Amino acid sequence: MVSVAPIVPQPIPQPIGERRLLFHSLDWQRYQTLRDILSRNGDNRNIHFTYLKGTLEVTMPLEIHEFSARMIEKFIWILVVELGMKLKTMGSTTLEQEELERAAEPDNAYYIQNQPLVAGRMVDLDQDPPPDLIVEVDITHTDIDKPALYAGLGVPEFWRYNGEVWRIYELRDREYHEVDASPTFPQVPKAKLYEFLAAARRDEVEAEQALRQWVRSLISDA
């Protein structure tokens, strides 16, 4: 009889959401030079740059990252429209503050509460407030302290999603504090985003329709 070795269960590998390159000890001028060089490569149109006090991280999003970022964007868009709010989308626009040694190209950035202040024109961060809400998807480990980065830029609300957990941070006294509900959408429970993402994996159109119906019922019951 042939002896069969016992099967040893193996851990299920986590999906790879991003590929990252890290550069250390870069001053502001070297960061900008390296960013410009990498940006000129036509194959790198979808890379994101994040810089914090000498460290530059170059992120190349993969499928699970892009799906999550785009669906969270759709989630926010639906909430804003159905709740009758205002919106200016900044996408991955570069947000830079040289004097703070900070620069970022987030997955999503929005003016909502302060939309009237920047409506109809280009944003100038030297004069205008930062976006009201920033979203980052980090499936894999990042060496950049993103809460510190965005708190330093004065962003009032920061969402972070790692493929499993959605964390919401509210800026108070120049520091982020994790909260259970979004200050921008206090009536929307965290479970609703998880439900929307799960439904979108099956069918994005049905997920959108279901979310719109839920928001409308929320308004009618208020």
N, C-alpha and C. Protein backbone atom coordinates (compact mmCIF):
# COMPACT_ATOMS: atom_id res chain seq x y z
N MET A 1 0.86 -1.17 0.00
CA MET A 1 0.00 0.00 0.00
C MET A 1 0.90 1.23 0.00
N VAL A 2 0.50 2.18 -0.81
CA VAL A 2 1.27 3.42 -0.91
C VAL A 2 0.94 4.32 0.26
N SER A 3 1.97 4.78 0.92
CA SER A 3 1.76 5.70 2.04
C SER A 3 1.56 7.11 1.52
N VAL A 4 0.52 7.75 1.99
CA VAL A 4 0.21 9.13 1.57
C VAL A 4 0.49 10.06 2.74
N ALA A 5 1.33 11.04 2.51
CA ALA A 5 1.65 12.01 3.56
C ALA A 5 0.42 12.85 3.86
N PRO A 6 0.22 13.18 5.13
CA PRO A 6 -0.94 14.01 5.47
C PRO A 6 -0.85 15.38 4.81
N ILE A 7 -2.00 15.87 4.42
CA ILE A 7 -2.07 17.18 3.79
C ILE A 7 -2.00 18.25 4.88
N VAL A 8 -1.04 19.14 4.74
CA VAL A 8 -0.89 20.24 5.70
C VAL A 8 -1.58 21.47 5.12
N PRO A 9 -2.60 21.97 5.82
CA PRO A 9 -3.29 23.15 5.28
C PRO A 9 -2.34 24.33 5.18
N GLN A 10 -2.44 25.04 4.07
CA GLN A 10 -1.61 26.21 3.83
C GLN A 10 -2.45 27.47 3.95
N PRO A 11 -1.86 28.55 4.45
CA PRO A 11 -2.62 29.80 4.52
C PRO A 11 -2.98 30.30 3.14
N ILE A 12 -4.13 30.90 3.03
CA ILE A 12 -4.57 31.46 1.75
C ILE A 12 -3.84 32.78 1.52
N PRO A 13 -3.11 32.91 0.43
CA PRO A 13 -2.37 34.16 0.22
C PRO A 13 -3.31 35.34 0.02
N GLN A 14 -2.94 36.47 0.59
CA GLN A 14 -3.73 37.67 0.42
C GLN A 14 -3.50 38.24 -0.98
N PRO A 15 -4.53 38.87 -1.56
CA PRO A 15 -4.33 39.46 -2.89
C PRO A 15 -3.34 40.61 -2.84
N ILE A 16 -2.57 40.75 -3.89
CA ILE A 16 -1.62 41.86 -3.99
C ILE A 16 -2.35 43.04 -4.60
N GLY A 17 -2.43 44.11 -3.85
CA GLY A 17 -3.18 45.27 -4.32
C GLY A 17 -2.33 46.34 -4.98
N GLU A 18 -1.05 46.37 -4.61
CA GLU A 18 -0.17 47.40 -5.14
C GLU A 18 1.26 46.86 -5.25
N ARG A 19 2.02 47.47 -6.13
CA ARG A 19 3.47 47.30 -6.13
C ARG A 19 4.06 48.65 -5.73
N ARG A 20 5.11 48.60 -4.90
CA ARG A 20 5.65 49.85 -4.35
C ARG A 20 7.16 49.93 -4.51
N LEU A 21 7.62 51.14 -4.74
CA LEU A 21 9.05 51.46 -4.72
C LEU A 21 9.26 52.52 -3.65
N LEU A 22 10.35 52.40 -2.92
CA LEU A 22 10.60 53.31 -1.80
C LEU A 22 11.96 53.96 -1.97
N PHE A 23 12.00 55.28 -1.75
CA PHE A 23 13.24 56.05 -1.82
C PHE A 23 13.39 56.83 -0.53
N HIS A 24 14.58 56.78 0.06
CA HIS A 24 14.82 57.47 1.32
C HIS A 24 15.78 58.64 1.13
N SER A 25 15.77 59.53 2.11
CA SER A 25 16.73 60.64 2.20
C SER A 25 16.70 61.53 0.97
N LEU A 26 15.49 61.87 0.53
CA LEU A 26 15.33 62.79 -0.60
C LEU A 26 14.87 64.14 -0.08
N ASP A 27 15.59 65.20 -0.43
CA ASP A 27 15.07 66.52 -0.09
C ASP A 27 13.98 66.88 -1.09
N TRP A 28 13.36 68.03 -0.91
CA TRP A 28 12.19 68.40 -1.73
C TRP A 28 12.55 68.49 -3.21
N GLN A 29 13.70 69.06 -3.53
CA GLN A 29 14.10 69.21 -4.93
C GLN A 29 14.36 67.85 -5.58
N ARG A 30 15.01 66.96 -4.86
CA ARG A 30 15.28 65.62 -5.41
C ARG A 30 13.99 64.84 -5.56
N TYR A 31 13.06 65.01 -4.62
CA TYR A 31 11.75 64.36 -4.76
C TYR A 31 11.06 64.83 -6.03
N GLN A 32 11.02 66.14 -6.28
CA GLN A 32 10.34 66.65 -7.46
C GLN A 32 11.03 66.21 -8.74
N THR A 33 12.35 66.16 -8.72
CA THR A 33 13.08 65.72 -9.90
C THR A 33 12.78 64.26 -10.22
N LEU A 34 12.80 63.42 -9.21
CA LEU A 34 12.53 62.00 -9.42
C LEU A 34 11.09 61.79 -9.86
N ARG A 35 10.17 62.52 -9.27
CA ARG A 35 8.77 62.41 -9.66
C ARG A 35 8.58 62.80 -11.12
N ASP A 36 9.23 63.88 -11.54
CA ASP A 36 9.10 64.33 -12.93
C ASP A 36 9.68 63.31 -13.90
N ILE A 37 10.80 62.70 -13.53
CA ILE A 37 11.42 61.69 -14.40
C ILE A 37 10.51 60.48 -14.56
N LEU A 38 9.98 60.00 -13.45
CA LEU A 38 9.11 58.82 -13.52
C LEU A 38 7.79 59.14 -14.21
N SER A 39 7.29 60.35 -14.04
CA SER A 39 6.02 60.72 -14.65
C SER A 39 6.11 60.85 -16.15
N ARG A 40 7.31 61.14 -16.67
CA ARG A 40 7.45 61.30 -18.12
C ARG A 40 7.37 59.99 -18.87
N ASN A 41 7.51 58.88 -18.17
CA ASN A 41 7.40 57.56 -18.79
C ASN A 41 5.94 57.27 -19.06
N GLY A 42 5.55 57.08 -20.30
CA GLY A 42 4.16 56.86 -20.67
C GLY A 42 3.54 55.64 -20.04
N ASP A 43 4.38 54.67 -19.62
CA ASP A 43 3.85 53.46 -19.01
C ASP A 43 3.48 53.67 -17.55
N ASN A 44 3.81 54.84 -17.00
CA ASN A 44 3.60 55.10 -15.58
C ASN A 44 2.49 56.09 -15.31
N ARG A 45 1.50 56.13 -16.18
CA ARG A 45 0.43 57.11 -16.03
C ARG A 45 -0.42 56.87 -14.80
N ASN A 46 -0.43 55.65 -14.30
CA ASN A 46 -1.30 55.33 -13.18
C ASN A 46 -0.56 55.22 -11.86
N ILE A 47 0.69 55.62 -11.80
CA ILE A 47 1.42 55.53 -10.54
C ILE A 47 1.08 56.73 -9.66
N HIS A 48 1.15 56.50 -8.34
CA HIS A 48 0.89 57.55 -7.36
C HIS A 48 2.17 57.82 -6.57
N PHE A 49 2.41 59.09 -6.28
CA PHE A 49 3.57 59.50 -5.50
C PHE A 49 3.11 60.00 -4.14
N THR A 50 3.80 59.54 -3.09
CA THR A 50 3.54 60.01 -1.74
C THR A 50 4.87 60.34 -1.09
N TYR A 51 4.99 61.56 -0.58
CA TYR A 51 6.25 62.03 -0.02
C TYR A 51 6.01 62.58 1.37
N LEU A 52 6.84 62.13 2.31
CA LEU A 52 6.72 62.62 3.68
C LEU A 52 8.12 62.72 4.30
N LYS A 53 8.57 63.94 4.49
CA LYS A 53 9.81 64.22 5.22
C LYS A 53 10.99 63.34 4.79
N GLY A 54 11.27 63.37 3.48
CA GLY A 54 12.45 62.69 2.98
C GLY A 54 12.21 61.32 2.38
N THR A 55 11.04 60.73 2.63
CA THR A 55 10.73 59.41 2.10
C THR A 55 9.70 59.52 0.98
N LEU A 56 10.02 58.95 -0.17
CA LEU A 56 9.12 58.93 -1.32
C LEU A 56 8.68 57.50 -1.59
N GLU A 57 7.39 57.29 -1.67
CA GLU A 57 6.86 55.99 -2.04
C GLU A 57 6.13 56.12 -3.37
N VAL A 58 6.48 55.25 -4.30
CA VAL A 58 5.85 55.21 -5.61
C VAL A 58 4.96 53.97 -5.65
N THR A 59 3.67 54.17 -5.84
CA THR A 59 2.70 53.08 -5.78
C THR A 59 2.12 52.82 -7.16
N MET A 60 2.11 51.54 -7.54
CA MET A 60 1.50 51.12 -8.81
C MET A 60 0.30 50.24 -8.48
N PRO A 61 -0.92 50.79 -8.55
CA PRO A 61 -2.11 50.02 -8.17
C PRO A 61 -2.37 48.85 -9.11
N LEU A 62 -2.82 47.74 -8.52
CA LEU A 62 -3.23 46.57 -9.28
C LEU A 62 -4.76 46.43 -9.18
N GLU A 63 -5.29 45.32 -9.70
CA GLU A 63 -6.73 45.22 -9.90
C GLU A 63 -7.55 45.42 -8.64
N ILE A 64 -7.23 44.72 -7.55
CA ILE A 64 -8.06 44.81 -6.35
C ILE A 64 -8.02 46.21 -5.77
N HIS A 65 -6.88 46.88 -5.90
CA HIS A 65 -6.77 48.26 -5.46
C HIS A 65 -7.69 49.16 -6.29
N GLU A 66 -7.59 49.05 -7.59
CA GLU A 66 -8.38 49.90 -8.47
C GLU A 66 -9.88 49.65 -8.31
N PHE A 67 -10.26 48.39 -8.18
CA PHE A 67 -11.68 48.07 -7.97
C PHE A 67 -12.18 48.74 -6.69
N SER A 68 -11.44 48.57 -5.61
CA SER A 68 -11.86 49.14 -4.32
C SER A 68 -11.94 50.66 -4.39
N ALA A 69 -10.93 51.29 -4.97
CA ALA A 69 -10.91 52.76 -5.05
C ALA A 69 -12.07 53.28 -5.90
N ARG A 70 -12.32 52.64 -7.03
CA ARG A 70 -13.39 53.11 -7.90
C ARG A 70 -14.77 52.87 -7.29
N MET A 71 -14.94 51.77 -6.59
CA MET A 71 -16.24 51.49 -5.98
C MET A 71 -16.49 52.41 -4.78
N ILE A 72 -15.44 52.73 -4.01
CA ILE A 72 -15.62 53.68 -2.91
C ILE A 72 -15.95 55.06 -3.48
N GLU A 73 -15.32 55.40 -4.60
CA GLU A 73 -15.65 56.65 -5.28
C GLU A 73 -17.12 56.67 -5.68
N LYS A 74 -17.60 55.57 -6.23
CA LYS A 74 -19.01 55.49 -6.62
C LYS A 74 -19.91 55.56 -5.40
N PHE A 75 -19.51 54.92 -4.32
CA PHE A 75 -20.26 54.95 -3.06
C PHE A 75 -20.46 56.39 -2.59
N ILE A 76 -19.37 57.16 -2.59
CA ILE A 76 -19.44 58.55 -2.15
C ILE A 76 -20.30 59.37 -3.10
N TRP A 77 -20.12 59.17 -4.39
CA TRP A 77 -20.90 59.91 -5.38
C TRP A 77 -22.40 59.69 -5.19
N ILE A 78 -22.79 58.44 -4.98
CA ILE A 78 -24.21 58.13 -4.80
C ILE A 78 -24.74 58.80 -3.54
N LEU A 79 -24.00 58.73 -2.45
CA LEU A 79 -24.45 59.36 -1.21
C LEU A 79 -24.62 60.86 -1.40
N VAL A 80 -23.64 61.49 -2.03
CA VAL A 80 -23.71 62.94 -2.22
C VAL A 80 -24.92 63.33 -3.07
N VAL A 81 -25.12 62.62 -4.16
CA VAL A 81 -26.24 62.94 -5.06
C VAL A 81 -27.57 62.72 -4.36
N GLU A 82 -27.74 61.55 -3.75
CA GLU A 82 -29.03 61.21 -3.17
C GLU A 82 -29.35 62.04 -1.92
N LEU A 83 -28.31 62.50 -1.22
CA LEU A 83 -28.53 63.31 -0.02
C LEU A 83 -28.58 64.80 -0.33
N GLY A 84 -28.46 65.16 -1.62
CA GLY A 84 -28.60 66.55 -2.02
C GLY A 84 -27.43 67.43 -1.61
N MET A 85 -26.23 66.87 -1.58
CA MET A 85 -25.04 67.62 -1.17
C MET A 85 -24.31 68.15 -2.40
N LYS A 86 -23.26 68.94 -2.18
CA LYS A 86 -22.42 69.48 -3.24
C LYS A 86 -21.11 68.70 -3.30
N LEU A 87 -20.44 68.75 -4.47
CA LEU A 87 -19.23 67.96 -4.62
C LEU A 87 -18.29 68.58 -5.65
N LYS A 88 -17.01 68.61 -5.32
CA LYS A 88 -15.94 68.87 -6.29
C LYS A 88 -14.94 67.76 -6.13
N THR A 89 -14.78 66.96 -7.19
CA THR A 89 -13.89 65.81 -7.15
C THR A 89 -12.48 66.22 -7.56
N MET A 90 -11.51 65.83 -6.73
CA MET A 90 -10.11 66.13 -7.02
C MET A 90 -9.35 64.90 -7.50
N GLY A 91 -9.95 63.71 -7.35
CA GLY A 91 -9.28 62.49 -7.79
C GLY A 91 -7.92 62.33 -7.13
N SER A 92 -6.90 62.07 -7.96
CA SER A 92 -5.53 61.89 -7.46
C SER A 92 -4.67 63.12 -7.71
N THR A 93 -5.31 64.28 -7.74
CA THR A 93 -4.57 65.53 -7.89
C THR A 93 -3.45 65.62 -6.85
N THR A 94 -2.28 66.06 -7.27
CA THR A 94 -1.15 66.18 -6.35
C THR A 94 -1.42 67.29 -5.33
N LEU A 95 -1.32 66.93 -4.06
CA LEU A 95 -1.48 67.88 -2.96
C LEU A 95 -0.12 68.08 -2.33
N GLU A 96 0.42 69.29 -2.43
CA GLU A 96 1.80 69.54 -1.99
C GLU A 96 1.87 70.71 -1.03
N GLN A 97 2.70 70.54 -0.02
CA GLN A 97 3.05 71.63 0.88
C GLN A 97 4.55 71.52 1.17
N GLU A 98 5.35 72.30 0.44
CA GLU A 98 6.80 72.19 0.56
C GLU A 98 7.28 72.49 1.98
N GLU A 99 6.70 73.50 2.59
CA GLU A 99 7.17 73.88 3.92
C GLU A 99 6.89 72.80 4.96
N LEU A 100 5.92 71.94 4.68
CA LEU A 100 5.58 70.84 5.59
C LEU A 100 6.25 69.53 5.16
N GLU A 101 6.98 69.55 4.05
CA GLU A 101 7.63 68.36 3.49
C GLU A 101 6.62 67.23 3.30
N ARG A 102 5.51 67.58 2.68
CA ARG A 102 4.45 66.61 2.45
C ARG A 102 3.91 66.77 1.04
N ALA A 103 3.65 65.65 0.39
CA ALA A 103 3.00 65.65 -0.92
C ALA A 103 2.32 64.30 -1.10
N ALA A 104 1.15 64.31 -1.72
CA ALA A 104 0.41 63.06 -1.89
C ALA A 104 -0.46 63.12 -3.13
N GLU A 105 -0.65 61.97 -3.72
CA GLU A 105 -1.62 61.77 -4.79
C GLU A 105 -2.58 60.68 -4.31
N PRO A 106 -3.60 61.05 -3.56
CA PRO A 106 -4.49 60.05 -2.96
C PRO A 106 -5.32 59.34 -4.01
N ASP A 107 -5.96 58.27 -3.59
CA ASP A 107 -6.86 57.58 -4.52
C ASP A 107 -8.06 58.46 -4.87
N ASN A 108 -8.63 59.10 -3.87
CA ASN A 108 -9.78 59.98 -4.08
C ASN A 108 -9.70 61.15 -3.11
N ALA A 109 -10.06 62.33 -3.58
CA ALA A 109 -10.12 63.51 -2.73
C ALA A 109 -11.32 64.36 -3.14
N TYR A 110 -11.99 64.94 -2.14
CA TYR A 110 -13.24 65.64 -2.42
C TYR A 110 -13.39 66.90 -1.58
N TYR A 111 -13.98 67.91 -2.20
CA TYR A 111 -14.55 69.04 -1.47
C TYR A 111 -16.05 68.81 -1.40
N ILE A 112 -16.59 68.79 -0.22
CA ILE A 112 -18.03 68.59 -0.03
C ILE A 112 -18.57 69.78 0.79
N GLN A 113 -18.20 69.85 2.05
CA GLN A 113 -18.62 70.98 2.87
C GLN A 113 -18.08 72.30 2.32
N ASN A 114 -16.84 72.29 1.85
CA ASN A 114 -16.21 73.51 1.33
C ASN A 114 -16.30 73.64 -0.18
N GLN A 115 -17.17 72.85 -0.80
CA GLN A 115 -17.30 72.93 -2.25
C GLN A 115 -17.62 74.35 -2.75
N PRO A 116 -18.49 75.10 -2.08
CA PRO A 116 -18.77 76.46 -2.57
C PRO A 116 -17.54 77.36 -2.62
N LEU A 117 -16.53 77.08 -1.79
CA LEU A 117 -15.33 77.92 -1.77
C LEU A 117 -14.44 77.70 -2.98
N VAL A 118 -14.54 76.54 -3.63
CA VAL A 118 -13.64 76.21 -4.73
C VAL A 118 -14.39 75.88 -6.02
N ALA A 119 -15.70 76.08 -6.02
CA ALA A 119 -16.51 75.73 -7.19
C ALA A 119 -16.12 76.59 -8.39
N GLY A 120 -16.02 75.93 -9.55
CA GLY A 120 -15.83 76.65 -10.80
C GLY A 120 -14.44 77.16 -11.08
N ARG A 121 -13.44 76.71 -10.33
CA ARG A 121 -12.07 77.19 -10.57
C ARG A 121 -11.06 76.17 -10.08
N MET A 122 -9.80 76.42 -10.43
CA MET A 122 -8.71 75.56 -9.99
C MET A 122 -8.40 75.83 -8.52
N VAL A 123 -8.07 74.77 -7.81
CA VAL A 123 -7.75 74.88 -6.39
C VAL A 123 -6.30 75.32 -6.21
N ASP A 124 -6.07 76.23 -5.27
CA ASP A 124 -4.74 76.67 -4.90
C ASP A 124 -4.59 76.42 -3.40
N LEU A 125 -3.82 75.40 -3.03
CA LEU A 125 -3.71 75.03 -1.63
C LEU A 125 -2.98 76.08 -0.79
N ASP A 126 -2.31 77.03 -1.45
CA ASP A 126 -1.71 78.12 -0.69
C ASP A 126 -2.77 79.11 -0.21
N GLN A 127 -3.92 79.08 -0.87
CA GLN A 127 -5.00 80.00 -0.51
C GLN A 127 -6.25 79.27 -0.02
N ASP A 128 -6.50 78.08 -0.55
CA ASP A 128 -7.74 77.36 -0.27
C ASP A 128 -7.55 76.32 0.83
N PRO A 129 -8.64 75.92 1.47
CA PRO A 129 -8.54 74.83 2.44
C PRO A 129 -8.23 73.51 1.73
N PRO A 130 -7.72 72.52 2.46
CA PRO A 130 -7.49 71.20 1.84
C PRO A 130 -8.82 70.52 1.55
N PRO A 131 -8.82 69.45 0.79
CA PRO A 131 -10.07 68.70 0.57
C PRO A 131 -10.70 68.28 1.90
N ASP A 132 -12.02 68.20 1.89
CA ASP A 132 -12.75 67.82 3.10
C ASP A 132 -12.60 66.34 3.42
N LEU A 133 -12.45 65.53 2.39
CA LEU A 133 -12.40 64.07 2.57
C LEU A 133 -11.39 63.48 1.61
N ILE A 134 -10.52 62.63 2.15
CA ILE A 134 -9.54 61.91 1.33
C ILE A 134 -9.68 60.43 1.60
N VAL A 135 -9.56 59.64 0.53
CA VAL A 135 -9.67 58.18 0.61
C VAL A 135 -8.37 57.56 0.12
N GLU A 136 -7.85 56.63 0.88
CA GLU A 136 -6.69 55.85 0.46
C GLU A 136 -6.99 54.37 0.59
N VAL A 137 -6.66 53.62 -0.46
CA VAL A 137 -6.73 52.16 -0.44
C VAL A 137 -5.31 51.64 -0.35
N ASP A 138 -5.02 50.89 0.69
CA ASP A 138 -3.70 50.29 0.89
C ASP A 138 -3.89 48.81 1.22
N ILE A 139 -3.89 47.99 0.19
CA ILE A 139 -4.06 46.55 0.40
C ILE A 139 -2.77 45.96 0.97
N THR A 140 -1.65 46.39 0.43
CA THR A 140 -0.36 45.93 0.92
C THR A 140 0.25 46.98 1.85
N HIS A 141 1.30 46.61 2.54
CA HIS A 141 1.93 47.50 3.53
C HIS A 141 2.53 48.73 2.86
N THR A 142 2.34 49.87 3.50
CA THR A 142 2.99 51.10 3.07
C THR A 142 3.89 51.60 4.19
N ASP A 143 5.05 52.12 3.82
CA ASP A 143 5.98 52.66 4.82
C ASP A 143 5.71 54.12 5.14
N ILE A 144 4.75 54.73 4.47
CA ILE A 144 4.39 56.12 4.73
C ILE A 144 3.32 56.18 5.81
N ASP A 145 3.51 57.02 6.80
CA ASP A 145 2.50 57.24 7.84
C ASP A 145 1.44 58.19 7.28
N LYS A 146 0.45 57.61 6.61
CA LYS A 146 -0.52 58.44 5.90
C LYS A 146 -1.43 59.24 6.84
N PRO A 147 -1.85 58.71 7.98
CA PRO A 147 -2.59 59.58 8.90
C PRO A 147 -1.78 60.82 9.30
N ALA A 148 -0.49 60.65 9.56
CA ALA A 148 0.34 61.81 9.91
C ALA A 148 0.47 62.76 8.73
N LEU A 149 0.58 62.20 7.53
CA LEU A 149 0.71 63.03 6.34
C LEU A 149 -0.52 63.91 6.14
N TYR A 150 -1.71 63.29 6.15
CA TYR A 150 -2.92 64.06 5.87
C TYR A 150 -3.36 64.93 7.04
N ALA A 151 -3.05 64.49 8.26
CA ALA A 151 -3.32 65.36 9.41
C ALA A 151 -2.47 66.62 9.30
N GLY A 152 -1.22 66.46 8.87
CA GLY A 152 -0.35 67.61 8.69
C GLY A 152 -0.84 68.57 7.62
N LEU A 153 -1.51 68.03 6.61
CA LEU A 153 -2.09 68.87 5.56
C LEU A 153 -3.41 69.51 5.99
N GLY A 154 -3.93 69.07 7.14
CA GLY A 154 -5.17 69.64 7.65
C GLY A 154 -6.44 69.09 7.05
N VAL A 155 -6.39 67.88 6.51
CA VAL A 155 -7.58 67.26 5.90
C VAL A 155 -8.54 66.85 7.02
N PRO A 156 -9.78 67.35 7.03
CA PRO A 156 -10.69 67.09 8.14
C PRO A 156 -11.09 65.62 8.32
N GLU A 157 -11.20 64.88 7.21
CA GLU A 157 -11.67 63.49 7.31
C GLU A 157 -10.87 62.61 6.37
N PHE A 158 -10.45 61.46 6.88
CA PHE A 158 -9.59 60.54 6.13
C PHE A 158 -10.17 59.14 6.23
N TRP A 159 -10.43 58.52 5.07
CA TRP A 159 -10.88 57.13 5.03
C TRP A 159 -9.72 56.26 4.56
N ARG A 160 -9.58 55.10 5.20
CA ARG A 160 -8.53 54.16 4.80
C ARG A 160 -9.13 52.76 4.72
N TYR A 161 -8.87 52.09 3.59
CA TYR A 161 -9.43 50.75 3.37
C TYR A 161 -8.31 49.82 2.95
N ASN A 162 -8.20 48.67 3.64
CA ASN A 162 -7.10 47.73 3.36
C ASN A 162 -7.56 46.45 2.67
N GLY A 163 -8.74 46.50 2.08
CA GLY A 163 -9.30 45.32 1.43
C GLY A 163 -10.23 44.53 2.32
N GLU A 164 -10.15 44.79 3.62
CA GLU A 164 -11.02 44.11 4.59
C GLU A 164 -11.67 45.09 5.56
N VAL A 165 -10.89 46.05 6.05
CA VAL A 165 -11.37 46.94 7.10
C VAL A 165 -11.39 48.38 6.60
N TRP A 166 -12.50 49.05 6.85
CA TRP A 166 -12.67 50.46 6.53
C TRP A 166 -12.50 51.26 7.82
N ARG A 167 -11.51 52.14 7.85
CA ARG A 167 -11.27 52.98 9.01
C ARG A 167 -11.57 54.44 8.67
N ILE A 168 -12.23 55.11 9.59
CA ILE A 168 -12.61 56.51 9.40
C ILE A 168 -11.90 57.33 10.47
N TYR A 169 -11.22 58.39 10.02
CA TYR A 169 -10.50 59.25 10.95
C TYR A 169 -11.02 60.69 10.84
N GLU A 170 -11.22 61.30 11.99
CA GLU A 170 -11.65 62.69 12.07
C GLU A 170 -10.53 63.51 12.70
N LEU A 171 -10.25 64.67 12.09
CA LEU A 171 -9.17 65.53 12.58
C LEU A 171 -9.66 66.38 13.75
N ARG A 172 -8.97 66.22 14.89
CA ARG A 172 -9.26 67.04 16.06
C ARG A 172 -7.94 67.42 16.71
N ASP A 173 -7.77 68.72 16.95
CA ASP A 173 -6.54 69.21 17.58
C ASP A 173 -5.30 68.75 16.82
N ARG A 174 -5.40 68.79 15.48
CA ARG A 174 -4.28 68.48 14.58
C ARG A 174 -3.88 67.01 14.59
N GLU A 175 -4.72 66.17 15.16
CA GLU A 175 -4.47 64.73 15.15
C GLU A 175 -5.73 63.99 14.72
N TYR A 176 -5.53 62.83 14.11
CA TYR A 176 -6.67 62.01 13.72
C TYR A 176 -7.12 61.12 14.87
N HIS A 177 -8.43 61.02 15.00
CA HIS A 177 -9.05 60.12 15.96
C HIS A 177 -10.00 59.21 15.18
N GLU A 178 -9.85 57.90 15.38
CA GLU A 178 -10.72 56.97 14.67
C GLU A 178 -12.13 57.06 15.24
N VAL A 179 -13.11 57.11 14.34
CA VAL A 179 -14.50 57.24 14.74
C VAL A 179 -15.32 56.14 14.08
N ASP A 180 -16.51 55.91 14.61
CA ASP A 180 -17.36 54.82 14.11
C ASP A 180 -18.19 55.22 12.90
N ALA A 181 -18.42 56.51 12.71
CA ALA A 181 -19.25 56.96 11.59
C ALA A 181 -18.59 58.17 10.93
N SER A 182 -18.82 58.31 9.65
CA SER A 182 -18.25 59.43 8.92
C SER A 182 -18.88 60.74 9.36
N PRO A 183 -18.08 61.76 9.70
CA PRO A 183 -18.66 63.07 9.99
C PRO A 183 -19.41 63.67 8.80
N THR A 184 -19.00 63.30 7.59
CA THR A 184 -19.67 63.80 6.40
C THR A 184 -21.00 63.09 6.15
N PHE A 185 -21.04 61.79 6.45
CA PHE A 185 -22.25 60.99 6.24
C PHE A 185 -22.61 60.27 7.54
N PRO A 186 -22.99 61.00 8.58
CA PRO A 186 -23.19 60.37 9.90
C PRO A 186 -24.32 59.35 9.93
N GLN A 187 -25.25 59.45 8.99
CA GLN A 187 -26.40 58.54 8.99
C GLN A 187 -26.11 57.22 8.28
N VAL A 188 -24.90 57.06 7.74
CA VAL A 188 -24.56 55.87 6.96
C VAL A 188 -23.66 54.96 7.81
N PRO A 189 -24.12 53.77 8.17
CA PRO A 189 -23.29 52.86 8.99
C PRO A 189 -22.16 52.27 8.16
N LYS A 190 -21.09 51.89 8.85
CA LYS A 190 -19.95 51.27 8.18
C LYS A 190 -20.37 50.03 7.39
N ALA A 191 -21.31 49.29 7.94
CA ALA A 191 -21.72 48.05 7.29
C ALA A 191 -22.22 48.29 5.87
N LYS A 192 -22.72 49.49 5.60
CA LYS A 192 -23.28 49.77 4.27
C LYS A 192 -22.19 49.76 3.20
N LEU A 193 -20.99 50.26 3.52
CA LEU A 193 -19.90 50.20 2.54
C LEU A 193 -19.49 48.76 2.28
N TYR A 194 -19.35 47.97 3.33
CA TYR A 194 -18.99 46.56 3.14
C TYR A 194 -20.03 45.86 2.28
N GLU A 195 -21.28 46.14 2.56
CA GLU A 195 -22.38 45.53 1.80
C GLU A 195 -22.31 45.96 0.33
N PHE A 196 -22.03 47.23 0.10
CA PHE A 196 -21.96 47.74 -1.27
C PHE A 196 -20.79 47.11 -2.03
N LEU A 197 -19.63 47.02 -1.39
CA LEU A 197 -18.48 46.42 -2.07
C LEU A 197 -18.71 44.95 -2.39
N ALA A 198 -19.32 44.22 -1.45
CA ALA A 198 -19.61 42.81 -1.70
C ALA A 198 -20.59 42.65 -2.86
N ALA A 199 -21.60 43.50 -2.89
CA ALA A 199 -22.58 43.43 -3.98
C ALA A 199 -21.95 43.82 -5.31
N ALA A 200 -21.04 44.81 -5.28
CA ALA A 200 -20.40 45.27 -6.51
C ALA A 200 -19.50 44.20 -7.12
N ARG A 201 -18.94 43.33 -6.29
CA ARG A 201 -18.12 42.25 -6.84
C ARG A 201 -18.96 41.31 -7.70
N ARG A 202 -20.22 41.22 -7.36
CA ARG A 202 -21.13 40.36 -8.15
C ARG A 202 -21.69 41.11 -9.34
N ASP A 203 -22.14 42.35 -9.11
CA ASP A 203 -22.74 43.14 -10.19
C ASP A 203 -22.74 44.60 -9.75
N GLU A 204 -21.98 45.42 -10.42
CA GLU A 204 -21.85 46.82 -10.01
C GLU A 204 -23.14 47.61 -10.22
N VAL A 205 -23.87 47.29 -11.27
CA VAL A 205 -25.11 48.01 -11.55
C VAL A 205 -26.16 47.72 -10.48
N GLU A 206 -26.31 46.45 -10.14
CA GLU A 206 -27.27 46.10 -9.09
C GLU A 206 -26.86 46.69 -7.75
N ALA A 207 -25.57 46.74 -7.49
CA ALA A 207 -25.09 47.33 -6.24
C ALA A 207 -25.45 48.81 -6.17
N GLU A 208 -25.28 49.51 -7.26
CA GLU A 208 -25.63 50.93 -7.29
C GLU A 208 -27.13 51.13 -7.09
N GLN A 209 -27.92 50.35 -7.78
CA GLN A 209 -29.37 50.48 -7.66
C GLN A 209 -29.83 50.22 -6.22
N ALA A 210 -29.26 49.21 -5.60
CA ALA A 210 -29.65 48.87 -4.23
C ALA A 210 -29.25 49.98 -3.25
N LEU A 211 -28.06 50.56 -3.45
CA LEU A 211 -27.62 51.62 -2.55
C LEU A 211 -28.49 52.86 -2.71
N ARG A 212 -28.81 53.21 -3.95
CA ARG A 212 -29.68 54.37 -4.17
C ARG A 212 -31.05 54.15 -3.50
N GLN A 213 -31.57 52.96 -3.65
CA GLN A 213 -32.87 52.67 -3.04
C GLN A 213 -32.78 52.77 -1.51
N TRP A 214 -31.68 52.28 -0.94
CA TRP A 214 -31.52 52.35 0.52
C TRP A 214 -31.45 53.80 0.99
N VAL A 215 -30.68 54.65 0.30
CA VAL A 215 -30.56 56.05 0.70
C VAL A 215 -31.91 56.75 0.59
N ARG A 216 -32.65 56.48 -0.47
CA ARG A 216 -33.95 57.11 -0.64
C ARG A 216 -34.94 56.69 0.46
N SER A 217 -34.85 55.42 0.86
CA SER A 217 -35.72 54.98 1.96
C SER A 217 -35.28 55.62 3.28
N LEU A 218 -33.97 55.83 3.43
CA LEU A 218 -33.46 56.50 4.62
C LEU A 218 -34.01 57.91 4.71
N ILE A 219 -34.04 58.60 3.58
CA ILE A 219 -34.54 59.97 3.56
C ILE A 219 -36.04 60.01 3.83
N SER A 220 -36.76 59.09 3.23
CA SER A 220 -38.23 59.08 3.39
C SER A 220 -38.64 58.74 4.81
N ASP A 221 -37.82 57.99 5.51
CA ASP A 221 -38.14 57.61 6.90
C ASP A 221 -37.72 58.67 7.91
N ALA A 222 -36.92 59.64 7.45
CA ALA A 222 -36.41 60.65 8.38
C ALA A 222 -37.50 61.62 8.81
